[in-house]
């Protein structure tokens, strides 16, 4: 962290390969360097896809679409005191059923249960990437974050 920020965070999980419907169990380890007012400690599972789109100016622009985003609070809003050792926050978070991408010819579609997103008009879409992120939400400051890419 190079001396910047309120502390350090780590996310510990048994691996990075998971299936839809599987529960990910792990822990977020938080070390706080100085007293820090924060909205809480969270773990978030999300999926994103990068793509290129044509704007009204006729130019292609890179963009990112969030396809799934689910956060679980692990601790609440308070002033977090300095910690000599990491504080452990265990968590369980489920990979959603059927929240994958299925190819229908060249028209990808995201199936999120009762909702679906047609991505057929997007040029140059990349594969969907899944991430698990632990973070301390520090208002008006630098959040303490750790992100792990998952294979789902």
N, C-alpha and C. Protein backbone atom coordinates (compact mmCIF):
# COMPACT_ATOMS: atom_id res chain seq x y z
N UNK A 1 0.82 -1.20 0.00
CA UNK A 1 0.00 0.00 0.00
C UNK A 1 0.86 1.25 0.00
N UNK A 2 2.17 1.15 0.14
CA UNK A 2 3.10 2.27 0.06
C UNK A 2 2.79 3.39 1.05
N UNK A 3 2.23 3.03 2.23
CA UNK A 3 1.95 4.03 3.25
C UNK A 3 0.71 4.86 2.97
N UNK A 4 0.00 4.57 1.89
CA UNK A 4 -1.21 5.32 1.55
C UNK A 4 -2.41 4.49 1.98
N UNK A 5 -3.42 5.14 2.51
CA UNK A 5 -4.64 4.44 2.86
C UNK A 5 -4.71 4.06 4.32
N UNK A 6 -5.86 3.50 4.68
CA UNK A 6 -6.15 3.20 6.07
C UNK A 6 -5.58 1.86 6.52
N UNK A 7 -5.26 0.98 5.60
CA UNK A 7 -4.79 -0.33 6.01
C UNK A 7 -4.60 -1.25 4.82
N UNK A 8 -4.69 -2.55 5.12
CA UNK A 8 -4.52 -3.57 4.09
C UNK A 8 -5.62 -4.60 4.24
N UNK A 9 -5.96 -5.24 3.13
CA UNK A 9 -7.01 -6.25 3.16
C UNK A 9 -6.60 -7.41 2.27
N UNK A 10 -7.05 -8.59 2.65
CA UNK A 10 -6.79 -9.78 1.85
C UNK A 10 -8.06 -10.62 1.82
N UNK A 11 -8.25 -11.36 0.75
CA UNK A 11 -9.39 -12.27 0.61
C UNK A 11 -8.81 -13.67 0.47
N UNK A 12 -9.21 -14.56 1.38
CA UNK A 12 -8.68 -15.93 1.39
C UNK A 12 -9.82 -16.88 1.04
N UNK A 13 -9.64 -17.62 -0.08
CA UNK A 13 -10.62 -18.61 -0.52
C UNK A 13 -9.86 -19.87 -0.91
N UNK A 14 -10.53 -21.04 -0.95
CA UNK A 14 -9.83 -22.29 -1.20
C UNK A 14 -9.37 -22.51 -2.64
N UNK A 15 -9.75 -21.68 -3.55
CA UNK A 15 -9.35 -21.81 -4.95
C UNK A 15 -10.00 -20.71 -5.75
N UNK A 16 -9.87 -20.78 -7.07
CA UNK A 16 -10.48 -19.75 -7.92
C UNK A 16 -11.44 -20.33 -8.96
N UNK A 17 -11.64 -21.64 -8.93
CA UNK A 17 -12.53 -22.27 -9.90
C UNK A 17 -13.81 -22.68 -9.17
N UNK A 18 -14.96 -22.13 -9.64
CA UNK A 18 -16.25 -22.41 -9.01
C UNK A 18 -17.29 -22.62 -10.10
N UNK A 19 -18.41 -23.24 -9.71
CA UNK A 19 -19.51 -23.51 -10.63
C UNK A 19 -20.72 -22.69 -10.23
N UNK A 20 -21.63 -22.50 -11.17
CA UNK A 20 -22.89 -21.82 -10.87
C UNK A 20 -23.63 -22.60 -9.80
N UNK A 21 -24.15 -21.91 -8.81
CA UNK A 21 -24.86 -22.53 -7.71
C UNK A 21 -23.96 -22.92 -6.54
N UNK A 22 -22.67 -22.88 -6.74
CA UNK A 22 -21.73 -23.27 -5.68
C UNK A 22 -21.57 -22.14 -4.66
N UNK A 23 -21.35 -22.50 -3.41
CA UNK A 23 -21.13 -21.51 -2.36
C UNK A 23 -19.63 -21.33 -2.17
N UNK A 24 -19.21 -20.08 -2.18
CA UNK A 24 -17.80 -19.74 -1.94
C UNK A 24 -17.68 -19.38 -0.46
N UNK A 25 -16.84 -20.11 0.24
CA UNK A 25 -16.58 -19.81 1.65
C UNK A 25 -15.15 -19.31 1.78
N UNK A 26 -14.98 -18.30 2.61
CA UNK A 26 -13.64 -17.76 2.80
C UNK A 26 -13.63 -16.76 3.93
N UNK A 27 -12.61 -15.94 3.92
CA UNK A 27 -12.52 -14.90 4.92
C UNK A 27 -11.83 -13.67 4.34
N UNK A 28 -12.27 -12.53 4.82
CA UNK A 28 -11.64 -11.26 4.51
C UNK A 28 -10.78 -10.93 5.72
N UNK A 29 -9.50 -10.64 5.49
CA UNK A 29 -8.57 -10.29 6.56
C UNK A 29 -8.25 -8.81 6.45
N UNK A 30 -8.56 -8.06 7.50
CA UNK A 30 -8.39 -6.61 7.50
C UNK A 30 -7.38 -6.19 8.56
N UNK A 31 -6.40 -5.41 8.15
CA UNK A 31 -5.46 -4.78 9.06
C UNK A 31 -5.63 -3.27 8.90
N UNK A 32 -5.88 -2.58 10.01
CA UNK A 32 -6.08 -1.13 9.99
C UNK A 32 -4.84 -0.47 10.60
N UNK A 33 -4.28 0.52 9.88
CA UNK A 33 -3.06 1.21 10.33
C UNK A 33 -3.33 2.36 11.29
N UNK A 34 -4.45 3.06 11.08
CA UNK A 34 -4.78 4.24 11.89
C UNK A 34 -6.29 4.27 12.10
N UNK A 35 -6.78 4.94 13.13
CA UNK A 35 -8.24 4.99 13.33
C UNK A 35 -8.93 5.49 12.05
N UNK A 36 -9.94 4.73 11.60
CA UNK A 36 -10.58 5.02 10.33
C UNK A 36 -12.08 4.88 10.43
N UNK A 37 -12.80 5.96 10.15
CA UNK A 37 -14.26 5.89 10.08
C UNK A 37 -14.62 5.29 8.73
N UNK A 38 -15.45 4.23 8.78
CA UNK A 38 -15.82 3.54 7.55
C UNK A 38 -17.28 3.11 7.61
N UNK A 39 -17.86 2.92 6.43
CA UNK A 39 -19.25 2.45 6.32
C UNK A 39 -19.35 0.96 6.60
N UNK A 40 -18.23 0.24 6.55
CA UNK A 40 -18.25 -1.18 6.86
C UNK A 40 -17.27 -1.98 6.03
N UNK A 41 -17.22 -3.27 6.36
CA UNK A 41 -16.41 -4.23 5.62
C UNK A 41 -17.38 -5.06 4.78
N UNK A 42 -17.05 -5.28 3.52
CA UNK A 42 -17.94 -5.97 2.59
C UNK A 42 -17.16 -6.98 1.75
N UNK A 43 -17.90 -7.97 1.26
CA UNK A 43 -17.39 -8.85 0.22
C UNK A 43 -18.40 -8.78 -0.92
N UNK A 44 -17.88 -8.73 -2.15
CA UNK A 44 -18.74 -8.54 -3.31
C UNK A 44 -18.36 -9.54 -4.39
N UNK A 45 -19.37 -10.16 -4.99
CA UNK A 45 -19.19 -11.03 -6.14
C UNK A 45 -19.80 -10.30 -7.33
N UNK A 46 -19.03 -10.16 -8.41
CA UNK A 46 -19.59 -9.47 -9.58
C UNK A 46 -19.01 -10.02 -10.87
N UNK A 47 -19.76 -9.79 -11.95
CA UNK A 47 -19.35 -10.20 -13.29
C UNK A 47 -19.40 -8.98 -14.19
N UNK A 48 -18.39 -8.87 -15.04
CA UNK A 48 -18.35 -7.74 -15.97
C UNK A 48 -17.89 -8.22 -17.34
N UNK A 49 -18.21 -7.40 -18.32
CA UNK A 49 -17.79 -7.68 -19.68
C UNK A 49 -17.36 -6.38 -20.34
N UNK A 50 -16.20 -6.42 -20.96
CA UNK A 50 -15.71 -5.27 -21.70
C UNK A 50 -16.17 -5.41 -23.15
N UNK A 51 -16.46 -4.26 -23.76
CA UNK A 51 -16.93 -4.27 -25.14
C UNK A 51 -16.61 -2.92 -25.78
N UNK A 52 -16.81 -2.86 -27.09
CA UNK A 52 -16.63 -1.61 -27.84
C UNK A 52 -17.98 -1.19 -28.38
N UNK A 53 -18.25 0.11 -28.30
CA UNK A 53 -19.52 0.61 -28.84
C UNK A 53 -19.26 1.88 -29.63
N UNK A 54 -20.13 2.12 -30.58
CA UNK A 54 -20.02 3.32 -31.41
C UNK A 54 -20.87 4.42 -30.77
N UNK A 55 -20.25 5.55 -30.49
CA UNK A 55 -20.95 6.70 -29.92
C UNK A 55 -21.50 7.58 -31.04
N UNK A 56 -22.25 8.58 -30.66
CA UNK A 56 -22.87 9.46 -31.64
C UNK A 56 -21.84 10.23 -32.48
N UNK A 57 -20.61 10.35 -31.96
CA UNK A 57 -19.57 11.03 -32.73
C UNK A 57 -18.97 10.13 -33.82
N UNK A 58 -19.46 8.87 -33.89
CA UNK A 58 -19.00 7.93 -34.91
C UNK A 58 -17.76 7.14 -34.51
N UNK A 59 -17.16 7.47 -33.39
CA UNK A 59 -15.95 6.79 -32.94
C UNK A 59 -16.31 5.61 -32.04
N UNK A 60 -15.43 4.60 -32.07
CA UNK A 60 -15.60 3.44 -31.20
C UNK A 60 -14.97 3.75 -29.85
N UNK A 61 -15.66 3.37 -28.78
CA UNK A 61 -15.18 3.60 -27.41
C UNK A 61 -15.24 2.29 -26.63
N UNK A 62 -14.25 2.08 -25.78
CA UNK A 62 -14.27 0.92 -24.90
C UNK A 62 -15.17 1.20 -23.71
N UNK A 63 -15.91 0.20 -23.29
CA UNK A 63 -16.82 0.35 -22.16
C UNK A 63 -16.86 -0.97 -21.39
N UNK A 64 -17.40 -0.91 -20.19
CA UNK A 64 -17.56 -2.10 -19.35
C UNK A 64 -18.99 -2.16 -18.87
N UNK A 65 -19.58 -3.33 -18.98
CA UNK A 65 -20.95 -3.55 -18.51
C UNK A 65 -20.88 -4.49 -17.31
N UNK A 66 -21.52 -4.10 -16.21
CA UNK A 66 -21.64 -4.96 -15.03
C UNK A 66 -22.86 -5.85 -15.24
N UNK A 67 -22.65 -7.16 -15.24
CA UNK A 67 -23.73 -8.11 -15.51
C UNK A 67 -24.32 -8.70 -14.24
N UNK A 68 -23.54 -8.71 -13.17
CA UNK A 68 -24.00 -9.24 -11.90
C UNK A 68 -23.21 -8.52 -10.81
N UNK A 69 -23.89 -8.14 -9.73
CA UNK A 69 -23.22 -7.41 -8.65
C UNK A 69 -23.97 -7.69 -7.34
N UNK A 70 -23.33 -8.40 -6.42
CA UNK A 70 -23.97 -8.75 -5.15
C UNK A 70 -22.96 -8.57 -4.02
N UNK A 71 -23.31 -7.71 -3.05
CA UNK A 71 -22.44 -7.44 -1.90
C UNK A 71 -23.04 -7.98 -0.62
N UNK A 72 -22.17 -8.43 0.28
CA UNK A 72 -22.58 -8.92 1.59
C UNK A 72 -21.83 -8.10 2.64
N UNK A 73 -22.56 -7.44 3.56
CA UNK A 73 -21.87 -6.71 4.63
C UNK A 73 -21.31 -7.69 5.66
N UNK A 74 -20.06 -7.46 6.07
CA UNK A 74 -19.42 -8.32 7.07
C UNK A 74 -19.26 -7.61 8.41
N UNK A 75 -19.26 -6.29 8.39
CA UNK A 75 -19.20 -5.48 9.61
C UNK A 75 -19.80 -4.12 9.27
N UNK A 76 -20.29 -3.42 10.29
CA UNK A 76 -21.05 -2.20 10.07
C UNK A 76 -20.25 -0.92 10.15
N UNK A 77 -21.01 0.18 10.10
CA UNK A 77 -20.43 1.52 10.12
C UNK A 77 -19.92 1.84 11.53
N UNK A 78 -18.67 2.28 11.59
CA UNK A 78 -18.05 2.62 12.87
C UNK A 78 -16.66 3.18 12.62
N UNK A 79 -15.97 3.54 13.70
CA UNK A 79 -14.56 3.88 13.58
C UNK A 79 -13.76 2.62 13.87
N UNK A 80 -12.98 2.20 12.88
CA UNK A 80 -12.17 0.99 13.01
C UNK A 80 -10.84 1.37 13.65
N UNK A 81 -10.50 0.75 14.80
CA UNK A 81 -9.24 1.08 15.48
C UNK A 81 -8.07 0.37 14.79
N UNK A 82 -6.85 0.87 15.02
CA UNK A 82 -5.67 0.18 14.49
C UNK A 82 -5.61 -1.25 15.04
N UNK A 83 -5.16 -2.17 14.20
CA UNK A 83 -5.07 -3.57 14.60
C UNK A 83 -3.63 -4.06 14.48
N UNK A 84 -3.10 -4.71 15.53
CA UNK A 84 -1.74 -5.22 15.44
C UNK A 84 -1.65 -6.45 14.52
N UNK A 85 -2.76 -7.17 14.37
CA UNK A 85 -2.82 -8.34 13.50
C UNK A 85 -4.12 -8.26 12.69
N UNK A 86 -4.19 -8.98 11.57
CA UNK A 86 -5.41 -8.94 10.76
C UNK A 86 -6.63 -9.45 11.53
N UNK A 87 -7.77 -8.78 11.33
CA UNK A 87 -9.05 -9.21 11.89
C UNK A 87 -9.75 -10.01 10.79
N UNK A 88 -10.25 -11.20 11.16
CA UNK A 88 -10.86 -12.10 10.20
C UNK A 88 -12.38 -11.92 10.17
N UNK A 89 -12.93 -11.81 8.95
CA UNK A 89 -14.36 -11.74 8.72
C UNK A 89 -14.74 -12.91 7.81
N UNK A 90 -15.28 -13.99 8.38
CA UNK A 90 -15.68 -15.12 7.54
C UNK A 90 -16.91 -14.77 6.69
N UNK A 91 -17.01 -15.39 5.53
CA UNK A 91 -18.16 -15.14 4.66
C UNK A 91 -18.53 -16.39 3.88
N UNK A 92 -19.76 -16.39 3.41
CA UNK A 92 -20.31 -17.38 2.47
C UNK A 92 -21.09 -16.60 1.43
N UNK A 93 -20.79 -16.85 0.17
CA UNK A 93 -21.51 -16.16 -0.90
C UNK A 93 -21.75 -17.16 -2.02
N UNK A 94 -22.97 -17.16 -2.55
CA UNK A 94 -23.35 -18.14 -3.56
C UNK A 94 -23.21 -17.58 -4.96
N UNK A 95 -22.58 -18.38 -5.82
CA UNK A 95 -22.53 -18.03 -7.24
C UNK A 95 -23.93 -18.29 -7.78
N UNK A 96 -24.54 -17.31 -8.44
CA UNK A 96 -25.93 -17.48 -8.88
C UNK A 96 -26.09 -18.59 -9.91
N UNK A 97 -27.23 -19.24 -9.84
CA UNK A 97 -27.58 -20.27 -10.82
C UNK A 97 -27.88 -19.59 -12.16
N UNK A 98 -27.38 -20.13 -13.24
CA UNK A 98 -27.74 -19.66 -14.56
C UNK A 98 -27.35 -18.24 -14.90
N UNK A 99 -26.38 -17.68 -14.20
CA UNK A 99 -25.97 -16.31 -14.50
C UNK A 99 -24.77 -16.31 -15.44
N UNK A 100 -24.72 -17.27 -16.32
CA UNK A 100 -23.61 -17.35 -17.26
C UNK A 100 -23.98 -16.77 -18.59
N UNK A 101 -23.06 -16.81 -19.49
CA UNK A 101 -23.30 -16.32 -20.84
C UNK A 101 -23.45 -17.52 -21.74
N UNK A 102 -24.50 -17.53 -22.54
CA UNK A 102 -24.67 -18.60 -23.52
C UNK A 102 -24.65 -18.00 -24.90
N UNK A 103 -23.95 -18.65 -25.78
CA UNK A 103 -23.86 -18.13 -27.15
C UNK A 103 -25.05 -18.64 -27.96
N UNK A 104 -25.73 -17.71 -28.60
CA UNK A 104 -26.84 -18.04 -29.50
C UNK A 104 -26.40 -17.53 -30.87
N UNK A 105 -25.64 -18.36 -31.58
CA UNK A 105 -25.04 -17.88 -32.81
C UNK A 105 -24.01 -16.84 -32.44
N UNK A 106 -24.12 -15.66 -33.01
CA UNK A 106 -23.20 -14.58 -32.66
C UNK A 106 -23.85 -13.58 -31.71
N UNK A 107 -25.03 -13.92 -31.18
CA UNK A 107 -25.75 -13.00 -30.31
C UNK A 107 -25.69 -13.49 -28.87
N UNK A 108 -24.70 -13.02 -28.09
CA UNK A 108 -24.64 -13.45 -26.70
C UNK A 108 -25.80 -12.89 -25.90
N UNK A 109 -26.20 -13.63 -24.88
CA UNK A 109 -27.30 -13.20 -24.03
C UNK A 109 -26.95 -13.56 -22.60
N UNK A 110 -27.24 -12.68 -21.68
CA UNK A 110 -27.01 -12.92 -20.27
C UNK A 110 -28.32 -13.36 -19.65
N UNK A 111 -28.32 -14.49 -18.97
CA UNK A 111 -29.53 -15.00 -18.34
C UNK A 111 -29.38 -14.86 -16.83
N UNK A 112 -30.15 -13.99 -16.22
CA UNK A 112 -30.12 -13.78 -14.78
C UNK A 112 -31.48 -14.12 -14.19
N UNK A 113 -31.89 -15.35 -14.37
CA UNK A 113 -33.19 -15.77 -13.87
C UNK A 113 -34.29 -15.10 -14.66
N UNK A 114 -35.13 -14.27 -14.00
CA UNK A 114 -36.24 -13.64 -14.71
C UNK A 114 -35.82 -12.51 -15.63
N UNK A 115 -34.56 -12.10 -15.57
CA UNK A 115 -34.07 -11.00 -16.40
C UNK A 115 -33.09 -11.54 -17.42
N UNK A 116 -33.02 -10.91 -18.58
CA UNK A 116 -31.97 -11.25 -19.54
C UNK A 116 -31.57 -9.99 -20.27
N UNK A 117 -30.33 -9.97 -20.70
CA UNK A 117 -29.77 -8.82 -21.40
C UNK A 117 -29.28 -9.31 -22.75
N UNK A 118 -29.80 -8.76 -23.83
CA UNK A 118 -29.36 -9.12 -25.16
C UNK A 118 -28.16 -8.25 -25.50
N UNK A 119 -27.04 -8.90 -25.81
CA UNK A 119 -25.81 -8.16 -26.12
C UNK A 119 -25.49 -8.20 -27.60
N UNK A 120 -26.49 -8.47 -28.43
CA UNK A 120 -26.25 -8.63 -29.86
C UNK A 120 -25.73 -7.40 -30.56
N UNK A 121 -26.05 -6.19 -30.10
CA UNK A 121 -25.63 -4.99 -30.78
C UNK A 121 -24.25 -4.50 -30.38
N UNK A 122 -23.57 -5.25 -29.58
CA UNK A 122 -22.27 -4.81 -29.08
C UNK A 122 -21.18 -5.38 -29.97
N UNK A 123 -20.22 -4.54 -30.31
CA UNK A 123 -19.11 -4.95 -31.15
C UNK A 123 -17.91 -5.31 -30.27
N UNK A 124 -17.26 -6.41 -30.60
CA UNK A 124 -16.02 -6.75 -29.93
C UNK A 124 -16.16 -7.05 -28.45
N UNK A 125 -17.17 -7.82 -28.05
CA UNK A 125 -17.36 -8.16 -26.64
C UNK A 125 -16.31 -9.16 -26.20
N UNK A 126 -15.80 -8.97 -25.00
CA UNK A 126 -14.85 -9.91 -24.43
C UNK A 126 -15.62 -10.94 -23.60
N UNK A 127 -14.96 -12.01 -23.17
CA UNK A 127 -15.65 -12.97 -22.30
C UNK A 127 -16.05 -12.30 -20.98
N UNK A 128 -17.06 -12.89 -20.33
CA UNK A 128 -17.49 -12.40 -19.03
C UNK A 128 -16.41 -12.77 -18.01
N UNK A 129 -16.04 -11.82 -17.18
CA UNK A 129 -15.05 -12.05 -16.13
C UNK A 129 -15.74 -11.90 -14.78
N UNK A 130 -15.47 -12.85 -13.89
CA UNK A 130 -16.05 -12.86 -12.54
C UNK A 130 -14.97 -12.46 -11.54
N UNK A 131 -15.37 -11.67 -10.53
CA UNK A 131 -14.44 -11.23 -9.50
C UNK A 131 -15.07 -11.37 -8.12
N UNK A 132 -14.23 -11.62 -7.14
CA UNK A 132 -14.62 -11.58 -5.74
C UNK A 132 -13.75 -10.50 -5.12
N UNK A 133 -14.39 -9.56 -4.43
CA UNK A 133 -13.66 -8.41 -3.89
C UNK A 133 -14.04 -8.18 -2.43
N UNK A 134 -13.03 -8.01 -1.60
CA UNK A 134 -13.24 -7.62 -0.22
C UNK A 134 -12.84 -6.16 -0.10
N UNK A 135 -13.61 -5.38 0.68
CA UNK A 135 -13.24 -3.97 0.81
C UNK A 135 -13.77 -3.35 2.09
N UNK A 136 -13.02 -2.35 2.55
CA UNK A 136 -13.42 -1.47 3.64
C UNK A 136 -13.86 -0.18 2.99
N UNK A 137 -15.14 0.17 3.13
CA UNK A 137 -15.73 1.34 2.48
C UNK A 137 -15.45 2.58 3.32
N UNK A 138 -14.49 3.39 2.87
CA UNK A 138 -14.08 4.60 3.58
C UNK A 138 -14.66 5.81 2.86
N UNK A 139 -15.67 6.48 3.46
CA UNK A 139 -16.24 7.64 2.78
C UNK A 139 -15.22 8.77 2.67
N UNK A 140 -15.21 9.44 1.55
CA UNK A 140 -14.31 10.57 1.29
C UNK A 140 -12.84 10.21 1.48
N UNK A 141 -12.50 8.95 1.25
CA UNK A 141 -11.12 8.49 1.37
C UNK A 141 -10.88 7.33 0.42
N UNK A 142 -9.68 6.79 0.48
CA UNK A 142 -9.34 5.65 -0.35
C UNK A 142 -9.87 4.38 0.31
N UNK A 143 -10.73 3.66 -0.41
CA UNK A 143 -11.20 2.37 0.09
C UNK A 143 -10.02 1.41 0.12
N UNK A 144 -10.04 0.50 1.07
CA UNK A 144 -9.04 -0.56 1.13
C UNK A 144 -9.67 -1.75 0.42
N UNK A 145 -9.05 -2.24 -0.68
CA UNK A 145 -9.66 -3.24 -1.54
C UNK A 145 -8.69 -4.35 -1.92
N UNK A 146 -9.27 -5.52 -2.14
CA UNK A 146 -8.54 -6.66 -2.72
C UNK A 146 -9.49 -7.38 -3.64
N UNK A 147 -9.08 -7.60 -4.89
CA UNK A 147 -9.93 -8.22 -5.91
C UNK A 147 -9.24 -9.47 -6.43
N UNK A 148 -10.02 -10.55 -6.55
CA UNK A 148 -9.52 -11.82 -7.08
C UNK A 148 -10.38 -12.19 -8.28
N UNK A 149 -9.74 -12.53 -9.40
CA UNK A 149 -10.50 -13.02 -10.55
C UNK A 149 -10.83 -14.49 -10.36
N UNK A 150 -12.07 -14.87 -10.66
CA UNK A 150 -12.53 -16.24 -10.52
C UNK A 150 -12.80 -16.85 -11.89
N UNK A 151 -12.74 -18.16 -11.96
CA UNK A 151 -13.14 -18.91 -13.15
C UNK A 151 -14.46 -19.59 -12.84
N UNK A 152 -15.53 -19.10 -13.47
CA UNK A 152 -16.87 -19.66 -13.22
C UNK A 152 -17.44 -20.11 -14.54
